[in-house]
Structure formats: C-alpha cells, structure tokens
N, C-alpha and C. Protein backbone atom coordinates (compact mmCIF):
# COMPACT_ATOMS: atom_id res chain seq x y z
N MET A 1 92.12 88.99 82.50
CA MET A 1 91.49 89.34 83.73
C MET A 1 92.29 88.70 84.86
N LEU A 2 92.56 89.45 85.89
CA LEU A 2 93.26 88.95 87.06
C LEU A 2 92.23 88.65 88.14
N THR A 3 92.22 87.40 88.61
CA THR A 3 91.26 87.00 89.64
C THR A 3 91.98 86.29 90.76
N GLY A 4 91.23 86.00 91.79
CA GLY A 4 91.73 85.19 92.89
C GLY A 4 91.81 83.73 92.46
N ASN A 5 92.10 82.87 93.39
CA ASN A 5 92.27 81.46 93.09
C ASN A 5 91.07 80.60 93.44
N GLY A 6 89.96 81.19 93.75
CA GLY A 6 88.78 80.43 94.14
C GLY A 6 88.29 79.53 93.01
N SER A 7 87.69 78.42 93.41
CA SER A 7 87.21 77.46 92.41
C SER A 7 86.15 78.09 91.51
N CYS A 8 85.42 79.08 92.00
CA CYS A 8 84.41 79.74 91.17
C CYS A 8 85.04 80.49 89.99
N TYR A 9 86.32 80.86 90.11
CA TYR A 9 87.01 81.54 89.01
C TYR A 9 87.73 80.56 88.09
N ARG A 10 88.06 79.39 88.60
CA ARG A 10 88.83 78.43 87.83
C ARG A 10 87.96 77.48 87.00
N HIS A 11 86.74 77.27 87.39
CA HIS A 11 85.88 76.29 86.74
C HIS A 11 84.50 76.88 86.50
N GLY A 12 83.74 76.22 85.67
CA GLY A 12 82.33 76.54 85.53
C GLY A 12 82.00 77.71 84.63
N VAL A 13 80.88 78.33 84.95
CA VAL A 13 80.27 79.35 84.10
C VAL A 13 81.17 80.56 83.90
N PHE A 14 81.80 81.02 84.96
CA PHE A 14 82.66 82.20 84.87
C PHE A 14 83.79 81.96 83.87
N ARG A 15 84.47 80.84 84.00
CA ARG A 15 85.59 80.50 83.12
C ARG A 15 85.13 80.36 81.67
N MET A 16 83.98 79.70 81.46
CA MET A 16 83.47 79.53 80.10
C MET A 16 83.07 80.86 79.48
N ALA A 17 82.51 81.75 80.28
CA ALA A 17 82.11 83.07 79.76
C ALA A 17 83.34 83.85 79.30
N LEU A 18 84.43 83.77 80.05
CA LEU A 18 85.65 84.46 79.64
C LEU A 18 86.22 83.86 78.36
N ARG A 19 86.21 82.55 78.28
CA ARG A 19 86.72 81.90 77.05
C ARG A 19 85.91 82.30 75.83
N GLN A 20 84.59 82.38 75.98
CA GLN A 20 83.73 82.77 74.86
C GLN A 20 84.04 84.18 74.37
N GLN A 21 84.48 85.03 75.27
CA GLN A 21 84.81 86.41 74.92
C GLN A 21 86.29 86.58 74.58
N ASN A 22 87.03 85.47 74.55
CA ASN A 22 88.48 85.48 74.28
C ASN A 22 89.24 86.35 75.27
N ILE A 23 88.83 86.28 76.52
CA ILE A 23 89.50 87.03 77.59
C ILE A 23 90.45 86.08 78.30
N GLU A 24 91.70 86.48 78.36
CA GLU A 24 92.70 85.66 79.05
C GLU A 24 92.52 85.84 80.55
N ILE A 25 92.59 84.74 81.26
CA ILE A 25 92.43 84.80 82.71
C ILE A 25 93.76 84.48 83.38
N ARG A 26 94.11 85.28 84.35
CA ARG A 26 95.32 85.07 85.14
C ARG A 26 94.92 85.05 86.60
N PHE A 27 95.67 84.31 87.38
CA PHE A 27 95.35 84.15 88.78
C PHE A 27 96.44 84.75 89.64
N THR A 28 96.04 85.35 90.74
CA THR A 28 97.03 85.88 91.67
C THR A 28 97.73 84.70 92.34
N ARG A 29 98.96 84.95 92.77
CA ARG A 29 99.63 83.93 93.55
C ARG A 29 98.94 83.83 94.90
N ARG A 30 98.98 82.67 95.47
CA ARG A 30 98.34 82.48 96.77
C ARG A 30 99.00 83.36 97.83
N TYR A 31 98.18 83.82 98.76
CA TYR A 31 98.64 84.60 99.90
C TYR A 31 99.35 85.89 99.50
N MET A 32 98.85 86.54 98.47
CA MET A 32 99.42 87.81 98.02
C MET A 32 98.62 88.96 98.64
N THR A 33 98.87 89.20 99.90
CA THR A 33 98.13 90.22 100.64
C THR A 33 98.16 91.60 99.98
N PRO A 34 99.31 92.08 99.49
CA PRO A 34 99.30 93.41 98.87
C PRO A 34 98.38 93.51 97.66
N ILE A 35 98.32 92.47 96.83
CA ILE A 35 97.45 92.50 95.66
C ILE A 35 96.00 92.48 96.11
N ASN A 36 95.68 91.61 97.06
CA ASN A 36 94.30 91.54 97.55
C ASN A 36 93.89 92.86 98.20
N ARG A 37 94.79 93.47 98.94
CA ARG A 37 94.49 94.74 99.60
C ARG A 37 94.19 95.82 98.55
N ASN A 38 94.99 95.88 97.49
CA ASN A 38 94.76 96.87 96.44
C ASN A 38 93.46 96.61 95.71
N ALA A 39 93.16 95.36 95.44
CA ALA A 39 91.92 95.03 94.75
C ALA A 39 90.72 95.42 95.60
N GLU A 40 90.78 95.14 96.89
CA GLU A 40 89.68 95.51 97.77
C GLU A 40 89.54 97.03 97.87
N ARG A 41 90.65 97.73 97.90
CA ARG A 41 90.60 99.20 97.95
C ARG A 41 89.99 99.75 96.66
N PHE A 42 90.35 99.15 95.53
CA PHE A 42 89.78 99.59 94.26
C PHE A 42 88.27 99.39 94.25
N LEU A 43 87.81 98.24 94.75
CA LEU A 43 86.37 97.99 94.80
C LEU A 43 85.66 98.99 95.70
N GLU A 44 86.27 99.33 96.83
CA GLU A 44 85.69 100.36 97.70
C GLU A 44 85.58 101.69 96.97
N THR A 45 86.62 102.02 96.19
CA THR A 45 86.61 103.27 95.43
C THR A 45 85.53 103.25 94.37
N VAL A 46 85.39 102.13 93.66
CA VAL A 46 84.35 102.01 92.63
C VAL A 46 82.98 102.20 93.26
N LEU A 47 82.74 101.53 94.37
CA LEU A 47 81.44 101.66 95.01
C LEU A 47 81.18 103.07 95.50
N GLY A 48 82.19 103.67 96.13
CA GLY A 48 82.01 104.99 96.70
C GLY A 48 81.95 106.12 95.70
N GLU A 49 82.72 106.02 94.62
CA GLU A 49 82.83 107.14 93.68
C GLU A 49 82.05 106.95 92.39
N TRP A 50 81.77 105.72 92.01
CA TRP A 50 81.06 105.54 90.75
C TRP A 50 79.67 104.97 90.95
N VAL A 51 79.55 103.87 91.66
CA VAL A 51 78.26 103.20 91.79
C VAL A 51 77.25 104.05 92.56
N TYR A 52 77.64 104.47 93.75
CA TYR A 52 76.68 105.17 94.61
C TYR A 52 76.73 106.69 94.48
N ALA A 53 77.82 107.23 94.01
CA ALA A 53 77.97 108.69 93.98
C ALA A 53 77.36 109.35 92.75
N SER A 54 77.25 108.61 91.67
CA SER A 54 76.70 109.23 90.46
C SER A 54 75.19 109.06 90.42
N SER A 55 74.51 110.11 90.03
CA SER A 55 73.05 110.04 89.93
C SER A 55 72.66 109.94 88.46
N CYS A 56 72.15 108.79 88.10
CA CYS A 56 71.74 108.54 86.72
C CYS A 56 70.30 108.05 86.72
N ASN A 57 69.64 108.26 85.61
CA ASN A 57 68.23 107.88 85.51
C ASN A 57 68.00 106.47 85.03
N SER A 58 69.03 105.83 84.47
CA SER A 58 68.87 104.47 83.96
C SER A 58 70.19 103.73 84.05
N SER A 59 70.12 102.42 83.91
CA SER A 59 71.34 101.60 83.93
C SER A 59 72.24 101.93 82.75
N SER A 60 71.64 102.15 81.58
CA SER A 60 72.46 102.46 80.40
C SER A 60 73.15 103.82 80.56
N GLU A 61 72.47 104.77 81.15
CA GLU A 61 73.08 106.07 81.41
C GLU A 61 74.24 105.91 82.42
N HIS A 62 74.02 105.10 83.42
CA HIS A 62 75.05 104.84 84.42
C HIS A 62 76.25 104.15 83.78
N GLU A 63 75.96 103.20 82.90
CA GLU A 63 77.03 102.46 82.20
C GLU A 63 77.89 103.40 81.35
N GLN A 64 77.28 104.41 80.77
CA GLN A 64 78.03 105.36 79.93
C GLN A 64 79.03 106.18 80.73
N THR A 65 78.84 106.27 82.03
CA THR A 65 79.78 107.03 82.86
C THR A 65 80.98 106.19 83.30
N LEU A 66 80.94 104.88 83.05
CA LEU A 66 82.01 104.00 83.52
C LEU A 66 83.33 104.25 82.80
N ASP A 67 83.33 104.29 81.47
CA ASP A 67 84.59 104.46 80.73
C ASP A 67 85.32 105.76 81.11
N PRO A 68 84.63 106.89 81.17
CA PRO A 68 85.35 108.11 81.60
C PRO A 68 85.88 107.99 83.03
N TRP A 69 85.12 107.36 83.90
CA TRP A 69 85.56 107.21 85.29
C TRP A 69 86.80 106.31 85.36
N LEU A 70 86.78 105.18 84.63
CA LEU A 70 87.94 104.28 84.61
C LEU A 70 89.15 104.97 83.99
N HIS A 71 88.93 105.76 82.94
CA HIS A 71 90.04 106.50 82.32
C HIS A 71 90.69 107.43 83.34
N ASP A 72 89.86 108.12 84.10
CA ASP A 72 90.39 109.02 85.12
C ASP A 72 91.20 108.23 86.15
N CYS A 73 90.68 107.09 86.59
CA CYS A 73 91.40 106.28 87.58
C CYS A 73 92.72 105.74 87.03
N ASN A 74 92.68 105.24 85.81
CA ASN A 74 93.86 104.59 85.24
C ASN A 74 94.91 105.57 84.74
N CYS A 75 94.48 106.68 84.19
CA CYS A 75 95.43 107.59 83.54
C CYS A 75 95.81 108.81 84.36
N HIS A 76 94.96 109.20 85.27
CA HIS A 76 95.23 110.43 86.00
C HIS A 76 95.47 110.22 87.49
N ARG A 77 94.83 109.21 88.05
CA ARG A 77 94.94 109.00 89.50
C ARG A 77 95.80 107.81 89.86
N HIS A 78 95.97 106.87 88.96
CA HIS A 78 96.81 105.69 89.19
C HIS A 78 96.46 104.98 90.49
N ILE A 79 95.22 104.60 90.61
CA ILE A 79 94.76 103.92 91.82
C ILE A 79 95.48 102.59 92.00
N LEU A 80 95.57 101.82 90.94
CA LEU A 80 96.25 100.52 91.04
C LEU A 80 97.53 100.57 90.22
N THR A 81 98.64 100.84 90.84
CA THR A 81 99.92 100.85 90.16
C THR A 81 100.87 99.93 90.88
N SER A 82 101.96 99.57 90.21
CA SER A 82 102.95 98.70 90.85
C SER A 82 103.58 99.39 92.05
N THR A 83 103.71 100.72 92.00
CA THR A 83 104.28 101.46 93.13
C THR A 83 103.39 101.33 94.35
N SER A 84 102.06 101.49 94.15
CA SER A 84 101.19 101.38 95.30
C SER A 84 101.17 99.97 95.85
N THR A 85 101.35 98.96 94.97
CA THR A 85 101.42 97.58 95.43
C THR A 85 102.65 97.38 96.29
N GLN A 86 103.78 97.93 95.86
CA GLN A 86 105.01 97.77 96.62
C GLN A 86 104.93 98.51 97.94
N GLN A 87 104.33 99.68 97.95
CA GLN A 87 104.25 100.45 99.17
C GLN A 87 103.33 99.82 100.20
N SER A 88 102.33 99.07 99.73
CA SER A 88 101.39 98.48 100.67
C SER A 88 101.81 97.07 101.11
N ALA A 89 103.08 96.74 100.87
CA ALA A 89 103.56 95.40 101.22
C ALA A 89 103.93 95.26 102.69
N ASP A 90 103.53 96.23 103.50
CA ASP A 90 103.85 96.15 104.92
C ASP A 90 103.09 95.00 105.55
N PRO A 91 103.67 94.34 106.54
CA PRO A 91 102.98 93.20 107.16
C PRO A 91 101.73 93.66 107.90
N ALA A 92 100.69 92.91 107.74
CA ALA A 92 99.41 93.29 108.37
C ALA A 92 99.16 92.45 109.59
C-alpha cells in the first residue's frame, strides 16, 4: 500500500492492521506534488463514479461493484499511470 508520510500511517492501529494482513506499506517521498495530485484525483473519481453514482440497496451489493469498477479503471482507463504522473509534474 502506498501512503503519505503522516504519523497516522507510520504508527499505531493502521500500521498494525496492515501487518496482520501481510500488506507491505510504502511511503511517498516528501513533497511529491505529482503523486499527491494523482491520488487526490483518483479519490475524486472514486467518489464521483463509484460511491455516489451507483445505486445499490445494501453495502454488500455496493461492495460487489467495486472490483469490476477498479478493473475498468486499472485496465481500460489507466487513471493512475506513470505517464499521467509525469505529465502532471508541472509546477503548481
């Protein structure tokens, strides 16, 4: 999992939960504006296209739509790619 450098990601409950699931945690380099910009854009997309846009009757039904939606993003739309990271490296 790639996270920011906040203490909430480095210590405590979050870190222990990842270790229990054998999930490797990696941290972004400090002041990496392009990575942060892409991550924030991805979250906006998730909220706009998956969380609020889909109409489901239950949480479990909503959860079942996540894998197909992520597959579409990762394999067909390439929302977060190295190319988009490089292109968004313009100074802000």
